[in-house]
Amino acid sequence: MFSFEITSKDDSARTGIIKTAHGVLETPAFIPVATRAAIKGLSSLQLEDIGYQAVLANTYHLYLKPGDKTVANLGGLHGFMAWDKVIFTDSGGFQVFSLDGRLSKADDDGVDFKSYIDNSKHRFTPEKSMQIQDNLGADIIFTFDECIHFDDDHERTKQAMGRTHAWTLRCLAEHQRLQSKTALFGIVQGGKYKDLREESARFISSLPFPGYGIGGIFGDPSKEIHEVVKHTMQFLPEDKPKHMLGIGSVEDIFDYVGCGADTFDCVLPTRLARLGYFFIRPESGGAIQNKFRARISNVKFKEDSSPLDENCSCLVCRKYSKAYIYHLFKVKELLFYSLMTYHNLAFFFRLLEEVRKSIKEERFLEFKQEWLDQAGRNI
């Protein structure tokens, strides 16, 4: 069961509803990354308390431990992690291709790699990725693609794109053979080259996918990357959802929602929480210059009785002070990770709520201007 409905539009920005067998997802939406079937530092109950409707789990890590068949025997990811809402899984492609060259080697059939856990040897093929993701039982899964750096030269990028397209056909065939109940999204590649992005978007959209992933968009926000995404979107069907793989900074979300993107996944808010960074709104001092965040390790917070963000209404900001969280950080108390992660994810959840509201009211550009102008960028 899968469907997508656009519910309102403001130029290219739109709101929508994705329906799956495990509930609905209002878009645009930020999707927290539950790498090993868990948001580091948070339970599924806490995530639900914030209001999230979906998570993304990692095929590569769950294949290695505890194993996709183990997860399948325990009720799939929904039963295994006690999450009865929407689940995405990635294909594992990014992880195997981001391994050190000594640990992975690709050919036209697939990728050989060594486990980071015990150095054991493994092989991913398009068919294997589909089988693992089917065992995991997510609602939305992705085709297996070759991931390269955004800045690789045209010839290398074209080669990788061709391999991705060949693997896409094999993924589609295997998905059909398995009679999988998951919704399979095709991934558009092509690096920074508009001609390759157009070619890839036309090819992927010619196939019977219910939605699409935009892959290989990495690095700090830049006009070049934004223009590539904007160019790509015009060659994908408007009535199908588009997911930005591995994208989730505040500025990226504004830029790509404006291009027509619907969902985003990124480890940024949870990873930065563990490193001591908390996100703050523009009215609280958040700015592009400080990337909308501050660091709790700053000694000025040692006796600061104010919340992490005086303009945030999340549970952490209602109950705890910077001084207390500073203390937890300094003594390496485990509660620190939970409180910081909760706040950062609440920040992004509220941001996307406000983005959806601004689109429905046909004032998305005005809202974007309020955030990014106030934060130091004129759009």
Protein backbone atom coordinates (compact mmCIF):
# COMPACT_ATOMS: atom_id res chain seq x y z
CA MET A 1 0.00 0.00 0.00
CA PHE A 2 1.51 3.31 -1.08
CA SER A 3 0.10 6.59 -2.35
CA PHE A 4 1.07 10.24 -2.54
CA GLU A 5 -1.22 13.24 -2.77
CA ILE A 6 -0.19 16.88 -3.17
CA THR A 7 -2.42 18.90 -0.83
CA SER A 8 -1.24 22.47 -1.48
CA LYS A 9 1.30 24.37 -3.56
CA ASP A 10 3.18 27.65 -3.38
CA ASP A 11 5.17 27.93 -6.61
CA SER A 12 7.38 24.78 -6.65
CA ALA A 13 7.08 24.18 -2.89
CA ARG A 14 4.27 21.83 -1.96
CA THR A 15 2.70 19.96 0.91
CA GLY A 16 1.52 16.40 0.57
CA ILE A 17 0.53 13.19 2.25
CA ILE A 18 2.33 9.88 1.77
CA LYS A 19 0.15 6.92 2.77
CA THR A 20 1.67 3.55 3.64
CA ALA A 21 0.57 0.38 5.39
CA HIS A 22 2.01 1.82 8.60
CA GLY A 23 0.36 5.21 8.53
CA VAL A 24 0.74 8.56 6.87
CA LEU A 25 3.58 11.02 6.50
CA GLU A 26 2.87 14.71 6.04
CA THR A 27 5.35 16.38 3.71
CA PRO A 28 7.68 18.21 3.48
CA ALA A 29 9.19 16.14 6.29
CA PHE A 30 12.55 15.65 7.93
CA ILE A 31 13.28 11.93 8.49
CA PRO A 32 15.57 11.15 11.48
CA VAL A 33 18.18 8.46 10.85
CA ALA A 34 17.86 5.33 13.00
CA THR A 35 21.07 3.78 11.69
CA ARG A 36 20.95 0.49 13.61
CA ALA A 37 17.17 0.53 14.19
CA ALA A 38 17.54 3.19 16.86
CA ILE A 39 17.90 6.96 17.10
CA LYS A 40 21.06 7.26 19.17
CA GLY A 41 20.03 8.46 22.62
CA LEU A 42 16.25 8.29 22.09
CA SER A 43 13.57 5.63 22.35
CA SER A 44 10.84 5.22 19.78
CA LEU A 45 8.42 6.55 22.43
CA GLN A 46 10.40 9.78 22.77
CA LEU A 47 10.53 10.17 19.01
CA GLU A 48 6.77 9.70 18.84
CA ASP A 49 6.37 12.24 21.65
CA ILE A 50 8.13 14.88 19.53
CA GLY A 51 5.67 14.11 16.74
CA TYR A 52 7.70 12.27 14.11
CA GLN A 53 5.89 10.05 11.66
CA ALA A 54 8.88 8.32 10.00
CA VAL A 55 12.49 7.19 10.46
CA LEU A 56 15.16 5.87 8.10
CA ALA A 57 17.22 2.78 8.99
CA ASN A 58 20.48 1.65 7.42
CA THR A 59 20.61 -1.49 5.29
CA TYR A 60 24.40 -1.92 5.49
CA HIS A 61 24.59 -1.79 9.29
CA LEU A 62 21.52 -3.95 9.91
CA TYR A 63 22.73 -6.55 7.43
CA LEU A 64 25.99 -6.88 9.36
CA LYS A 65 24.37 -6.89 12.81
CA PRO A 66 21.98 -8.34 13.87
CA GLY A 67 21.33 -9.54 10.29
CA ASP A 68 18.35 -8.89 8.08
CA LYS A 69 16.98 -12.42 8.53
CA THR A 70 17.07 -12.00 12.30
CA VAL A 71 15.10 -8.77 11.96
CA ALA A 72 12.61 -10.52 9.66
CA ASN A 73 12.11 -13.33 12.18
CA LEU A 74 11.38 -10.74 14.89
CA GLY A 75 8.59 -9.02 13.01
CA GLY A 76 10.57 -6.84 10.66
CA LEU A 77 11.84 -3.40 11.62
CA HIS A 78 8.43 -2.22 12.83
CA GLY A 79 8.17 -5.00 15.39
CA PHE A 80 11.88 -5.13 16.15
CA MET A 81 12.22 -1.46 17.11
CA ALA A 82 8.65 -0.96 18.37
CA TRP A 83 7.85 1.68 15.78
CA ASP A 84 4.43 1.35 14.15
CA LYS A 85 4.83 4.34 11.83
CA VAL A 86 6.57 4.80 8.47
CA ILE A 87 10.08 3.39 7.95
CA PHE A 88 12.50 4.09 5.10
CA THR A 89 15.63 2.03 4.46
CA ASP A 90 18.52 3.11 2.25
CA SER A 91 20.14 0.64 -0.13
CA GLY A 92 23.53 0.30 1.56
CA GLY A 93 25.23 1.78 -1.49
CA PHE A 94 26.51 4.93 0.18
CA GLN A 95 28.08 2.97 3.04
CA VAL A 96 29.93 0.40 0.93
CA PHE A 97 31.19 3.04 -1.49
CA SER A 98 32.32 5.35 1.30
CA LEU A 99 34.53 2.63 2.80
CA ASP A 100 38.28 2.96 2.41
CA GLY A 101 39.40 1.56 -0.95
CA ARG A 102 41.17 -1.25 0.87
CA LEU A 103 37.81 -2.38 2.29
CA SER A 104 35.63 -2.26 -0.82
CA LYS A 105 35.95 -2.95 -4.55
CA ALA A 106 33.25 -2.48 -7.17
CA ASP A 107 32.66 -4.12 -10.54
CA ASP A 108 29.71 -4.10 -12.92
CA ASP A 109 27.98 -6.88 -11.01
CA GLY A 110 28.25 -5.45 -7.48
CA VAL A 111 30.58 -4.51 -4.63
CA ASP A 112 32.90 -6.65 -2.51
CA PHE A 113 33.58 -5.24 0.95
CA LYS A 114 34.93 -6.16 4.35
CA SER A 115 32.93 -5.73 7.52
CA TYR A 116 34.09 -2.90 9.77
CA ILE A 117 33.12 -5.17 12.70
CA ASP A 118 35.27 -8.27 12.13
CA ASN A 119 36.89 -7.81 8.70
CA SER A 120 34.75 -10.63 7.25
CA LYS A 121 34.12 -10.55 3.48
CA HIS A 122 30.75 -9.72 1.95
CA ARG A 123 29.24 -8.78 -1.40
CA PHE A 124 26.35 -6.48 -2.24
CA THR A 125 24.61 -6.71 -5.60
CA PRO A 126 21.40 -4.97 -6.66
CA GLU A 127 19.55 -8.22 -6.01
CA LYS A 128 21.12 -8.64 -2.58
CA SER A 129 20.15 -5.09 -1.57
CA MET A 130 16.54 -5.76 -2.57
CA GLN A 131 16.50 -9.05 -0.63
CA ILE A 132 17.91 -7.44 2.52
CA GLN A 133 15.53 -4.50 2.40
CA ASP A 134 12.58 -6.82 1.80
CA ASN A 135 13.59 -8.82 4.89
CA LEU A 136 13.83 -5.63 6.93
CA GLY A 137 10.26 -4.85 5.90
CA ALA A 138 10.40 -1.07 5.56
CA ASP A 139 7.62 0.86 3.87
CA ILE A 140 9.88 2.79 1.46
CA ILE A 141 13.17 1.44 0.11
CA PHE A 142 15.75 2.59 -2.47
CA THR A 143 17.53 1.07 -5.44
CA PHE A 144 21.21 0.15 -5.14
CA ASP A 145 23.38 2.86 -6.72
CA GLU A 146 27.04 3.69 -7.16
CA CYS A 147 27.88 6.69 -5.00
CA ILE A 148 30.74 8.96 -6.00
CA HIS A 149 31.77 12.44 -4.94
CA PHE A 150 29.75 15.36 -6.27
CA ASP A 151 32.92 16.94 -7.69
CA ASP A 152 34.24 13.92 -9.63
CA ASP A 153 35.01 14.63 -13.29
CA HIS A 154 32.42 14.20 -16.05
CA GLU A 155 33.77 10.90 -17.38
CA ARG A 156 33.91 9.22 -13.95
CA THR A 157 30.46 10.54 -13.10
CA LYS A 158 28.98 9.32 -16.40
CA GLN A 159 30.49 5.88 -15.83
CA ALA A 160 29.01 5.65 -12.33
CA MET A 161 25.64 6.87 -13.58
CA GLY A 162 25.59 4.19 -16.28
CA ARG A 163 26.34 1.52 -13.70
CA THR A 164 23.62 2.92 -11.44
CA HIS A 165 21.10 2.75 -14.29
CA ALA A 166 22.01 -0.87 -15.05
CA TRP A 167 21.68 -1.76 -11.37
CA THR A 168 18.35 0.08 -11.21
CA LEU A 169 16.87 -2.29 -13.81
CA ARG A 170 18.12 -5.27 -11.85
CA CYS A 171 16.68 -3.87 -8.60
CA LEU A 172 13.32 -3.39 -10.25
CA ALA A 173 13.32 -6.94 -11.61
CA GLU A 174 14.29 -8.43 -8.25
CA HIS A 175 11.73 -6.33 -6.41
CA GLN A 176 9.05 -7.67 -8.75
CA ARG A 177 10.34 -11.25 -8.43
CA LEU A 178 10.14 -11.02 -4.63
CA GLN A 179 6.60 -9.64 -4.92
CA SER A 180 7.73 -7.19 -2.28
CA LYS A 181 5.13 -5.08 -0.51
CA THR A 182 7.63 -2.23 -0.09
CA ALA A 183 7.52 0.92 -2.21
CA LEU A 184 10.74 1.04 -4.25
CA PHE A 185 12.16 4.49 -5.11
CA GLY A 186 14.62 4.93 -7.98
CA ILE A 187 17.69 7.11 -7.41
CA VAL A 188 18.80 9.92 -9.72
CA GLN A 189 22.57 10.44 -9.95
CA GLY A 190 24.80 12.54 -12.21
CA GLY A 191 27.01 14.57 -9.89
CA LYS A 192 27.30 18.28 -10.59
CA TYR A 193 26.66 17.95 -14.32
CA LYS A 194 23.28 19.17 -15.52
CA ASP A 195 23.36 17.08 -18.69
CA LEU A 196 23.94 13.89 -16.69
CA ARG A 197 21.32 14.81 -14.10
CA GLU A 198 18.81 15.35 -16.90
CA GLU A 199 19.74 12.04 -18.53
CA SER A 200 19.47 10.20 -15.22
CA ALA A 201 16.16 11.84 -14.26
CA ARG A 202 14.64 11.00 -17.66
CA PHE A 203 15.80 7.38 -17.41
CA ILE A 204 14.66 6.82 -13.82
CA SER A 205 11.30 8.52 -14.41
CA SER A 206 10.66 6.26 -17.42
CA LEU A 207 10.49 3.29 -15.04
CA PRO A 208 7.50 2.33 -12.83
CA PHE A 209 8.70 3.84 -9.55
CA PRO A 210 6.22 5.45 -7.12
CA GLY A 211 8.84 7.96 -6.00
CA TYR A 212 12.42 9.09 -6.42
CA GLY A 213 15.59 9.72 -4.45
CA ILE A 214 18.06 12.45 -5.37
CA GLY A 215 21.52 11.09 -4.59
CA GLY A 216 25.07 12.36 -4.54
CA ILE A 217 24.27 15.88 -3.26
CA PHE A 218 26.93 16.54 -0.63
CA GLY A 219 28.90 19.46 0.76
CA ASP A 220 28.04 22.87 2.13
CA PRO A 221 25.09 24.67 0.57
CA SER A 222 26.14 26.42 -2.61
CA LYS A 223 24.47 28.06 -5.54
CA GLU A 224 25.92 25.39 -7.86
CA ILE A 225 24.40 22.48 -5.92
CA HIS A 226 21.08 24.27 -5.61
CA GLU A 227 20.95 24.93 -9.35
CA VAL A 228 21.73 21.27 -10.12
CA VAL A 229 18.84 20.09 -7.92
CA LYS A 230 16.48 22.68 -9.38
CA HIS A 231 17.45 21.58 -12.90
CA THR A 232 16.96 17.90 -12.03
CA MET A 233 13.48 18.35 -10.58
CA GLN A 234 11.98 19.59 -13.85
CA PHE A 235 12.59 16.18 -15.45
CA LEU A 236 10.79 14.20 -12.73
CA PRO A 237 6.99 13.78 -12.60
CA GLU A 238 5.39 16.41 -10.40
CA ASP A 239 2.86 14.01 -8.92
CA LYS A 240 5.42 11.69 -7.30
CA PRO A 241 7.42 12.29 -4.09
CA LYS A 242 11.10 13.25 -4.17
CA HIS A 243 13.48 12.37 -1.35
CA MET A 244 16.82 14.13 -0.76
CA LEU A 245 19.27 11.47 0.42
CA GLY A 246 21.60 12.59 3.22
CA ILE A 247 20.45 16.22 3.18
CA GLY A 248 19.27 18.11 6.25
CA SER A 249 20.85 21.46 7.09
CA VAL A 250 18.46 24.35 7.71
CA GLU A 251 19.52 26.19 4.56
CA ASP A 252 19.34 23.01 2.46
CA ILE A 253 15.80 22.31 3.62
CA PHE A 254 14.62 25.79 2.62
CA ASP A 255 16.40 25.64 -0.74
CA TYR A 256 15.26 22.15 -1.73
CA VAL A 257 11.68 22.49 -0.48
CA GLY A 258 11.61 25.49 -2.81
CA CYS A 259 12.70 23.15 -5.63
CA GLY A 260 9.89 20.68 -4.94
CA ALA A 261 11.56 18.19 -2.59
CA ASP A 262 9.26 16.36 -0.18
CA THR A 263 11.40 14.43 2.31
CA PHE A 264 14.93 14.63 3.71
CA ASP A 265 17.07 12.32 5.83
CA CYS A 266 20.25 13.32 7.62
CA VAL A 267 22.32 12.38 10.70
CA LEU A 268 23.23 16.05 11.27
CA PRO A 269 20.98 16.92 14.26
CA THR A 270 21.64 13.68 16.15
CA ARG A 271 25.37 13.50 15.44
CA LEU A 272 25.91 17.14 16.38
CA ALA A 273 23.91 16.60 19.58
CA ARG A 274 26.41 13.96 20.70
CA LEU A 275 29.25 16.39 19.95
CA GLY A 276 27.66 19.05 22.14
CA TYR A 277 25.94 21.27 19.57
CA PHE A 278 22.34 22.43 19.99
CA PHE A 279 20.23 24.15 17.36
CA ILE A 280 18.77 27.60 17.98
CA ARG A 281 16.16 29.61 16.13
CA PRO A 282 16.90 32.98 14.48
CA GLU A 283 15.04 34.90 17.17
CA SER A 284 17.34 33.22 19.72
CA GLY A 285 20.54 34.08 17.88
CA GLY A 286 20.64 31.35 15.25
CA ALA A 287 22.31 32.55 12.05
CA ILE A 288 23.88 31.20 8.90
CA GLN A 289 27.22 32.35 10.29
CA ASN A 290 26.85 29.97 13.27
CA LYS A 291 24.85 27.42 11.24
CA PHE A 292 21.88 27.91 13.59
CA ARG A 293 23.67 26.28 16.47
CA ALA A 294 25.78 26.81 19.59
CA ARG A 295 27.98 24.50 21.67
CA ILE A 296 27.09 23.60 25.23
CA SER A 297 30.76 23.16 26.21
CA ASN A 298 31.20 26.96 26.24
CA VAL A 299 32.13 27.92 29.82
CA LYS A 300 29.66 30.82 29.73
CA PHE A 301 26.87 28.24 30.09
CA LYS A 302 28.21 26.84 33.39
CA GLU A 303 25.84 28.96 35.49
CA ASP A 304 23.27 29.84 32.83
CA SER A 305 19.79 29.07 34.12
CA SER A 306 18.08 29.70 30.77
CA PRO A 307 16.96 26.87 28.44
CA LEU A 308 18.90 25.81 25.36
CA ASP A 309 16.59 28.01 23.28
CA GLU A 310 14.25 30.48 24.99
CA ASN A 311 11.99 30.34 21.91
CA CYS A 312 11.70 26.54 21.89
CA SER A 313 8.79 24.80 23.59
CA CYS A 314 10.19 21.25 23.54
CA LEU A 315 10.22 19.18 26.73
CA VAL A 316 13.95 19.74 27.27
CA CYS A 317 13.70 23.51 26.98
CA ARG A 318 10.65 23.56 29.29
CA LYS A 319 12.38 21.54 32.02
CA TYR A 320 16.16 21.91 31.91
CA SER A 321 18.73 24.71 31.96
CA LYS A 322 21.91 25.19 29.97
CA ALA A 323 23.81 24.95 33.27
CA TYR A 324 22.39 21.49 33.97
CA ILE A 325 23.09 20.20 30.47
CA TYR A 326 26.59 21.78 30.62
CA HIS A 327 27.14 19.79 33.82
CA LEU A 328 25.93 16.55 32.20
CA PHE A 329 28.32 17.14 29.31
CA LYS A 330 31.31 17.77 31.59
CA VAL A 331 30.73 14.68 33.74
CA LYS A 332 29.94 12.54 30.67
CA GLU A 333 26.53 11.59 31.97
CA LEU A 334 24.54 9.48 29.48
CA LEU A 335 21.43 11.62 30.01
CA PHE A 336 23.26 14.39 28.16
CA TYR A 337 22.94 12.54 24.83
CA SER A 338 19.22 11.99 25.29
CA LEU A 339 18.39 15.61 26.18
CA MET A 340 20.48 17.13 23.41
CA THR A 341 19.18 14.72 20.77
CA TYR A 342 15.60 15.32 21.84
CA HIS A 343 16.00 19.10 21.54
CA ASN A 344 17.73 19.00 18.15
CA LEU A 345 15.11 16.72 16.63
CA ALA A 346 12.34 18.85 18.14
CA PHE A 347 13.95 21.89 16.49
CA PHE A 348 13.77 20.24 13.04
CA PHE A 349 10.28 18.89 13.60
CA ARG A 350 8.99 22.37 14.44
CA LEU A 351 10.84 23.91 11.49
CA LEU A 352 9.15 21.52 9.05
CA GLU A 353 5.77 22.12 10.69
CA GLU A 354 6.23 25.82 10.06
CA VAL A 355 7.42 25.19 6.50
CA ARG A 356 4.25 23.20 5.77
CA LYS A 357 2.09 25.93 7.31
CA SER A 358 3.79 28.63 5.23
CA ILE A 359 3.18 26.67 2.01
CA LYS A 360 -0.48 26.13 2.84
CA GLU A 361 -0.79 29.89 3.46
CA GLU A 362 1.11 30.63 0.20
CA ARG A 363 3.84 32.51 2.04
CA PHE A 364 6.75 30.06 1.80
CA LEU A 365 9.18 32.57 0.23
CA GLU A 366 8.26 35.14 2.85
CA PHE A 367 8.86 32.59 5.61
CA LYS A 368 12.17 31.59 4.05
CA GLN A 369 13.13 35.26 3.86
CA GLU A 370 12.26 35.74 7.53
CA TRP A 371 14.56 32.88 8.55
CA LEU A 372 17.49 33.36 6.22
CA ASP A 373 17.42 37.16 6.10
CA GLN A 374 17.20 37.38 9.85
CA ALA A 375 19.97 34.81 10.00
CA GLY A 376 22.25 36.68 7.66
CA ARG A 377 21.50 35.66 4.09
CA ASN A 378 19.55 37.63 1.54
CA ILE A 379 17.68 35.23 -0.75
